[in-house]
C-alpha atoms as a PDB file:
ATOM      1  CA  HIS A   1       0.027   0.050  -0.023  1.00  0.00           C
ATOM      2  CA  ARG A   2       1.499   3.263  -1.093  1.00  0.00           C
ATOM      3  CA  PRO A   3       1.259   6.336   1.299  1.00  0.00           C
ATOM      4  CA  ALA A   4      -1.103   8.977   0.070  1.00  0.00           C
ATOM      5  CA  ALA A   5       0.401  12.080  -1.499  1.00  0.00           C
ATOM      6  CA  GLU A   6       0.625  15.109   0.770  1.00  0.00           C
ATOM      7  CA  THR A   7      -2.307  17.541   0.495  1.00  0.00           C
ATOM      8  CA  HIS A   8      -2.198  21.196   1.127  1.00  0.00           C
ATOM      9  CA  ALA A   9      -5.805  22.495   1.253  1.00  0.00           C
ATOM     10  CA  ALA A  10      -4.969  25.144   3.804  1.00  0.00           C
ATOM     11  CA  PRO A  11      -5.497  28.823   2.931  1.00  0.00           C
ATOM     12  CA  LEU A  12      -2.918  30.033   0.464  1.00  0.00           C
ATOM     13  CA  PRO A  13      -0.670  33.034   1.156  1.00  0.00           C
ATOM     14  CA  PRO A  14      -1.612  36.227  -0.705  1.00  0.00           C
ATOM     15  CA  ALA A  15       1.208  35.925  -3.083  1.00  0.00           C
ATOM     16  CA  ASP A  16      -0.257  32.619  -4.360  1.00  0.00           C
ATOM     17  CA  TYR A  17      -3.436  34.215  -5.234  1.00  0.00           C
ATOM     18  CA  TYR A  18      -2.228  37.166  -7.245  1.00  0.00           C
ATOM     19  CA  PRO A  19       0.249  39.934  -6.973  1.00  0.00           C
ATOM     20  CA  VAL A  20      -1.513  42.684  -4.961  1.00  0.00           C
ATOM     21  CA  ALA A  21      -0.700  46.047  -3.620  1.00  0.00           C
ATOM     22  CA  LYS A  22       0.226  46.461   0.015  1.00  0.00           C
ATOM     23  CA  GLY A  23      -2.641  47.716   2.089  1.00  0.00           C
ATOM     24  CA  GLY A  24      -5.848  46.154   0.693  1.00  0.00           C
ATOM     25  CA  ASP A  25      -8.096  48.837   2.081  1.00  0.00           C
ATOM     26  CA  ASP A  26      -6.051  51.589   0.363  1.00  0.00           C
ATOM     27  CA  ALA A  27      -6.125  49.705  -2.931  1.00  0.00           C
ATOM     28  CA  ARG A  28      -9.777  48.884  -3.100  1.00  0.00           C
ATOM     29  CA  PRO A  29     -11.119  52.357  -3.907  1.00  0.00           C
ATOM     30  CA  LEU A  30      -8.626  52.749  -6.746  1.00  0.00           C
ATOM     31  CA  LEU A  31      -9.344  49.228  -8.031  1.00  0.00           C
ATOM     32  CA  ARG A  32     -13.211  49.748  -7.984  1.00  0.00           C
ATOM     33  CA  GLU A  33     -12.772  52.956 -10.016  1.00  0.00           C
ATOM     34  CA  VAL A  34     -10.582  51.088 -12.537  1.00  0.00           C
ATOM     35  CA  ALA A  35     -13.122  48.167 -12.615  1.00  0.00           C
ATOM     36  CA  SER A  36     -15.856  50.678 -13.599  1.00  0.00           C
ATOM     37  CA  HIS A  37     -14.301  50.994 -17.105  1.00  0.00           C
ATOM     38  CA  SER A  38     -15.096  48.189 -19.370  1.00  0.00           C
ATOM     39  CA  GLU A  39     -11.526  47.838 -20.877  1.00  0.00           C
ATOM     40  CA  SER A  40     -10.034  47.320 -17.392  1.00  0.00           C
ATOM     41  CA  TYR A  41     -12.957  45.713 -15.642  1.00  0.00           C
ATOM     42  CA  ALA A  42     -11.684  42.082 -15.674  1.00  0.00           C
ATOM     43  CA  ALA A  43      -8.103  42.778 -14.547  1.00  0.00           C
ATOM     44  CA  ALA A  44      -9.138  45.140 -11.732  1.00  0.00           C
ATOM     45  CA  SER A  45     -11.949  42.756 -10.687  1.00  0.00           C
ATOM     46  CA  VAL A  46      -9.490  39.899 -10.474  1.00  0.00           C
ATOM     47  CA  ARG A  47      -7.299  42.001  -8.215  1.00  0.00           C
ATOM     48  CA  LEU A  48     -10.161  42.806  -6.012  1.00  0.00           C
ATOM     49  CA  ALA A  49     -11.010  39.116  -5.782  1.00  0.00           C
ATOM     50  CA  ALA A  50      -7.404  38.420  -4.906  1.00  0.00           C
ATOM     51  CA  LEU A  51      -7.670  40.928  -1.999  1.00  0.00           C
ATOM     52  CA  ASP A  52     -10.882  39.220  -0.787  1.00  0.00           C
ATOM     53  CA  ALA A  53      -9.289  35.837  -1.010  1.00  0.00           C
ATOM     54  CA  ALA A  54      -6.018  36.925   0.779  1.00  0.00           C
ATOM     55  CA  GLU A  55      -8.116  38.487   3.678  1.00  0.00           C
ATOM     56  CA  GLY A  56     -10.075  35.202   4.073  1.00  0.00           C
ATOM     57  CA  ARG A  57     -13.300  36.187   2.241  1.00  0.00           C
ATOM     58  CA  ARG A  58     -13.101  33.437  -0.296  1.00  0.00           C
ATOM     59  CA  ALA A  59     -16.797  33.177  -0.986  1.00  0.00           C
ATOM     60  CA  GLN A  60     -16.924  36.854  -1.787  1.00  0.00           C
ATOM     61  CA  ALA A  61     -13.780  36.366  -3.999  1.00  0.00           C
ATOM     62  CA  GLN A  62     -15.426  33.547  -5.937  1.00  0.00           C
ATOM     63  CA  ASP A  63     -18.644  35.642  -6.483  1.00  0.00           C
ATOM     64  CA  ARG A  64     -16.618  38.390  -7.898  1.00  0.00           C
ATOM     65  CA  LEU A  65     -14.689  35.920 -10.188  1.00  0.00           C
ATOM     66  CA  HIS A  66     -17.895  34.429 -11.326  1.00  0.00           C
ATOM     67  CA  GLU A  67     -19.143  37.834 -12.362  1.00  0.00           C
ATOM     68  CA  VAL A  68     -16.033  38.264 -14.382  1.00  0.00           C
ATOM     69  CA  LEU A  69     -16.233  34.918 -15.957  1.00  0.00           C
ATOM     70  CA  GLN A  70     -19.840  35.503 -16.967  1.00  0.00           C
ATOM     71  CA  LYS A  71     -18.719  38.372 -19.047  1.00  0.00           C
ATOM     72  CA  HIS A  72     -15.277  36.880 -19.985  1.00  0.00           C
ATOM     73  CA  PRO A  73     -15.516  33.165 -19.800  1.00  0.00           C
ATOM     74  CA  LYS A  74     -11.928  32.634 -21.134  1.00  0.00           C
ATOM     75  CA  ASP A  75     -10.200  35.122 -18.859  1.00  0.00           C
ATOM     76  CA  ALA A  76      -7.219  33.046 -17.784  1.00  0.00           C
ATOM     77  CA  GLN A  77      -6.321  35.067 -14.629  1.00  0.00           C
ATOM     78  CA  ALA A  78      -9.879  34.779 -13.387  1.00  0.00           C
ATOM     79  CA  LEU A  79      -9.940  31.131 -14.040  1.00  0.00           C
ATOM     80  CA  LEU A  80      -6.596  30.515 -12.337  1.00  0.00           C
ATOM     81  CA  LEU A  81      -7.560  32.551  -9.252  1.00  0.00           C
ATOM     82  CA  SER A  82     -10.911  30.751  -9.110  1.00  0.00           C
ATOM     83  CA  ALA A  83      -9.014  27.418  -9.208  1.00  0.00           C
ATOM     84  CA  ARG A  84      -6.642  28.399  -6.386  1.00  0.00           C
ATOM     85  CA  VAL A  85      -9.458  29.523  -4.145  1.00  0.00           C
ATOM     86  CA  SER A  86     -11.493  26.414  -4.854  1.00  0.00           C
ATOM     87  CA  LEU A  87      -8.393  24.295  -4.086  1.00  0.00           C
ATOM     88  CA  ALA A  88      -7.859  26.221  -0.848  1.00  0.00           C
ATOM     89  CA  ASP A  89     -11.388  25.329   0.067  1.00  0.00           C
ATOM     90  CA  GLY A  90     -10.903  21.722  -0.799  1.00  0.00           C
ATOM     91  CA  LYS A  91     -13.133  21.835  -3.773  1.00  0.00           C
ATOM     92  CA  ARG A  92     -11.063  20.016  -6.335  1.00  0.00           C
ATOM     93  CA  ASP A  93     -13.733  19.443  -9.004  1.00  0.00           C
ATOM     94  CA  PRO A  94     -14.361  23.092  -9.755  1.00  0.00           C
ATOM     95  CA  ALA A  95     -10.635  23.835  -9.485  1.00  0.00           C
ATOM     96  CA  ARG A  96      -9.892  20.984 -11.976  1.00  0.00           C
ATOM     97  CA  GLU A  97     -12.580  22.435 -14.372  1.00  0.00           C
ATOM     98  CA  ALA A  98     -11.081  25.918 -14.231  1.00  0.00           C
ATOM     99  CA  VAL A  99      -7.533  24.877 -14.900  1.00  0.00           C
ATOM    100  CA  HIS A 100      -8.776  22.566 -17.769  1.00  0.00           C
ATOM    101  CA  THR A 101     -10.372  25.537 -19.477  1.00  0.00           C
ATOM    102  CA  VAL A 102      -7.158  27.533 -19.265  1.00  0.00           C
ATOM    103  CA  ILE A 103      -5.165  24.548 -20.655  1.00  0.00           C
ATOM    104  CA  VAL A 104      -7.589  24.109 -23.603  1.00  0.00           C
ATOM    105  CA  ASN A 105      -7.657  27.809 -24.414  1.00  0.00           C
ATOM    106  CA  GLU A 106      -3.929  28.646 -23.791  1.00  0.00           C
ATOM    107  CA  PRO A 107      -1.956  25.418 -23.656  1.00  0.00           C
ATOM    108  CA  THR A 108       1.395  26.880 -24.363  1.00  0.00           C
ATOM    109  CA  SER A 109       1.092  30.335 -22.806  1.00  0.00           C
ATOM    110  CA  ALA A 110       2.422  31.485 -19.406  1.00  0.00           C
ATOM    111  CA  ALA A 111      -1.160  31.038 -18.030  1.00  0.00           C
ATOM    112  CA  GLY A 112      -1.049  27.529 -19.488  1.00  0.00           C
ATOM    113  CA  VAL A 113       2.097  26.789 -17.429  1.00  0.00           C
ATOM    114  CA  GLN A 114       0.307  28.014 -14.287  1.00  0.00           C
ATOM    115  CA  ALA A 115      -2.667  25.830 -15.113  1.00  0.00           C
ATOM    116  CA  TYR A 116      -0.501  22.796 -15.521  1.00  0.00           C
ATOM    117  CA  MET A 117       1.208  23.456 -12.185  1.00  0.00           C
ATOM    118  CA  LEU A 118      -2.166  23.861 -10.534  1.00  0.00           C
ATOM    119  CA  ALA A 119      -3.475  20.660 -12.207  1.00  0.00           C
ATOM    120  CA  GLY A 120      -0.483  18.877 -10.759  1.00  0.00           C
ATOM    121  CA  GLN A 121      -1.355  20.199  -7.231  1.00  0.00           C
ATOM    122  CA  ILE A 122      -5.003  19.260  -7.619  1.00  0.00           C
ATOM    123  CA  GLU A 123      -4.251  15.709  -8.771  1.00  0.00           C
ATOM    124  CA  SER A 124      -1.600  15.318  -6.147  1.00  0.00           C
ATOM    125  CA  ALA A 125      -4.214  16.295  -3.455  1.00  0.00           C
ATOM    126  CA  SER A 126      -6.568  13.776  -4.976  1.00  0.00           C
ATOM    127  CA  ASP A 127      -3.921  10.984  -4.871  1.00  0.00           C
ATOM    128  CA  ARG A 128      -4.121  10.709  -8.677  1.00  0.00           C
ATOM    129  CA  VAL A 129      -0.412  10.316  -9.011  1.00  0.00           C
ATOM    130  CA  ASP A 130      -0.306   9.461 -12.764  1.00  0.00           C
ATOM    131  CA  GLU A 131      -2.362  12.537 -13.719  1.00  0.00           C
ATOM    132  CA  ALA A 132      -0.250  14.737 -11.435  1.00  0.00           C
ATOM    133  CA  VAL A 133       2.994  13.534 -13.082  1.00  0.00           C
ATOM    134  CA  LYS A 134       1.556  14.199 -16.541  1.00  0.00           C
ATOM    135  CA  ALA A 135       0.680  17.727 -15.577  1.00  0.00           C
ATOM    136  CA  TYR A 136       4.094  18.474 -13.997  1.00  0.00           C
ATOM    137  CA  GLU A 137       5.831  17.002 -16.979  1.00  0.00           C
ATOM    138  CA  GLN A 138       3.991  19.459 -19.189  1.00  0.00           C
ATOM    139  CA  VAL A 139       5.507  22.292 -17.107  1.00  0.00           C
ATOM    140  CA  LEU A 140       8.949  20.766 -17.744  1.00  0.00           C
ATOM    141  CA  LYS A 141       8.247  20.873 -21.543  1.00  0.00           C
ATOM    142  CA  LEU A 142       6.849  24.402 -21.532  1.00  0.00           C
ATOM    143  CA  GLN A 143       8.978  26.293 -19.018  1.00  0.00           C
ATOM    144  CA  PRO A 144      12.699  26.997 -19.690  1.00  0.00           C
ATOM    145  CA  ARG A 145      13.625  26.844 -16.078  1.00  0.00           C
ATOM    146  CA  PRO A 146      11.005  24.558 -14.498  1.00  0.00           C
ATOM    147  CA  TRP A 147      12.360  24.573 -10.883  1.00  0.00           C
ATOM    148  CA  LEU A 148       8.962  24.431  -9.095  1.00  0.00           C
ATOM    149  CA  ALA A 149       7.854  21.421 -11.297  1.00  0.00           C
ATOM    150  CA  ASN A 150      10.973  19.555 -10.449  1.00  0.00           C
ATOM    151  CA  VAL A 151      10.489  20.232  -6.773  1.00  0.00           C
ATOM    152  CA  ALA A 152       6.859  19.146  -7.005  1.00  0.00           C
ATOM    153  CA  LEU A 153       7.707  15.922  -8.818  1.00  0.00           C
ATOM    154  CA  SER A 154      10.483  15.223  -6.330  1.00  0.00           C
ATOM    155  CA  ARG A 155       7.992  15.574  -3.429  1.00  0.00           C
ATOM    156  CA  LEU A 156       5.448  13.553  -5.140  1.00  0.00           C
ATOM    157  CA  TYR A 157       7.658  10.592  -5.854  1.00  0.00           C
ATOM    158  CA  LEU A 158       9.003  10.844  -2.313  1.00  0.00           C
ATOM    159  CA  SER A 159       5.518  10.613  -0.934  1.00  0.00           C
ATOM    160  CA  GLN A 160       4.960   7.600  -3.103  1.00  0.00           C
ATOM    161  CA  GLY A 161       7.980   5.672  -1.759  1.00  0.00           C
ATOM    162  CA  ASN A 162      10.091   6.149  -4.844  1.00  0.00           C
ATOM    163  CA  PRO A 163      13.255   7.770  -3.471  1.00  0.00           C
ATOM    164  CA  SER A 164      15.249   7.097  -6.786  1.00  0.00           C
ATOM    165  CA  LYS A 165      12.957   9.228  -8.872  1.00  0.00           C
ATOM    166  CA  ALA A 166      12.517  11.723  -6.136  1.00  0.00           C
ATOM    167  CA  THR A 167      16.270  12.086  -6.047  1.00  0.00           C
ATOM    168  CA  SER A 168      16.595  12.430  -9.775  1.00  0.00           C
ATOM    169  CA  TYR A 169      14.050  15.335  -9.856  1.00  0.00           C
ATOM    170  CA  SER A 170      15.660  16.960  -6.899  1.00  0.00           C
ATOM    171  CA  HIS A 171      19.023  16.952  -8.684  1.00  0.00           C
ATOM    172  CA  GLN A 172      17.351  18.674 -11.671  1.00  0.00           C
ATOM    173  CA  ALA A 173      15.848  21.261  -9.344  1.00  0.00           C
ATOM    174  CA  LEU A 174      19.163  21.864  -7.788  1.00  0.00           C
ATOM    175  CA  ALA A 175      20.700  22.686 -11.121  1.00  0.00           C
ATOM    176  CA  ILE A 176      18.294  25.557 -11.549  1.00  0.00           C
ATOM    177  CA  PRO A 177      18.854  28.695  -9.373  1.00  0.00           C
ATOM    178  CA  PRO A 178      15.510  29.043  -7.465  1.00  0.00           C
ATOM    179  CA  THR A 179      13.671  32.349  -7.189  1.00  0.00           C
ATOM    180  CA  ASN A 180      12.126  31.109  -3.969  1.00  0.00           C
ATOM    181  CA  PRO A 181      14.530  28.909  -1.772  1.00  0.00           C
ATOM    182  CA  ALA A 182      11.767  27.830   0.664  1.00  0.00           C
ATOM    183  CA  PRO A 183      11.403  24.277  -0.694  1.00  0.00           C
ATOM    184  CA  SER A 184      15.226  23.530  -0.465  1.00  0.00           C
ATOM    185  CA  GLN A 185      14.525  21.355   2.693  1.00  0.00           C
ATOM    186  CA  SER A 186      12.178  19.195   0.757  1.00  0.00           C
ATOM    187  CA  ILE A 187      14.984  18.659  -1.847  1.00  0.00           C
ATOM    188  CA  ALA A 188      17.439  17.779   0.826  1.00  0.00           C
ATOM    189  CA  ARG A 189      15.054  15.356   2.326  1.00  0.00           C
ATOM    190  CA  ALA A 190      14.538  13.702  -1.023  1.00  0.00           C
ATOM    191  CA  ARG A 191      18.211  13.392  -1.598  1.00  0.00           C
ATOM    192  CA  GLY A 192      18.765  12.093   1.908  1.00  0.00           C
ATOM    193  CA  ARG A 193      15.991   9.411   1.628  1.00  0.00           C
ATOM    194  CA  GLY A 194      17.241   8.463  -1.764  1.00  0.00           C
ATOM    195  CA  THR A 195      20.651   7.820  -0.357  1.00  0.00           C
ATOM    196  CA  CYS A 196      19.189   5.909   2.545  1.00  0.00           C
ATOM    197  CA  GLY A 197      17.148   3.756   0.158  1.00  0.00           C
ATOM    198  CA  ARG A 198      20.211   2.731  -1.775  1.00  0.00           C
ATOM    199  CA  MET A 199      22.137   1.833   1.321  1.00  0.00           C
ATOM    200  CA  GLN A 200      19.398  -0.426   2.703  1.00  0.00           C
END
């Protein structure tokens, strides 16, 4: 029996939702004014939804995003944020549907890369390992320096009791200078367990 993959349905930090200005209360009036213009409605509304989500008002964030998607059903940033909020709430099916829409519409764009990363997280949380691996491998194909995807694959294989593959992906991650060093401990664990596995 393989151990289930780690799940992370806890609230995401604000940076994982969307880059937002410091001081949500100060930003809201300006964003509402910008959202009142049709040409900037979607982008400003997504930022407002990001503020809502970052402050714990995820239902309000989803309501705002649904309004955006009614007018702009293919808006990638709205779909991605909706998927992240759904995943934070443990609602994997709507999260999966949102990222699938982005992948269908923009399979090779930057938004598509984000969608594949999210798809990997969703499938990992659902213990659908093969589907998660496929999603992360798409990131490896599309992104020139796929550090996060390599880290995610290393963690995934480690959780499934496959230290050899975990170590392989951790080595690939270590060859890429990270923009965020936080997961380095996970890489070290993968390497250490892989070494222990070979010694046993």
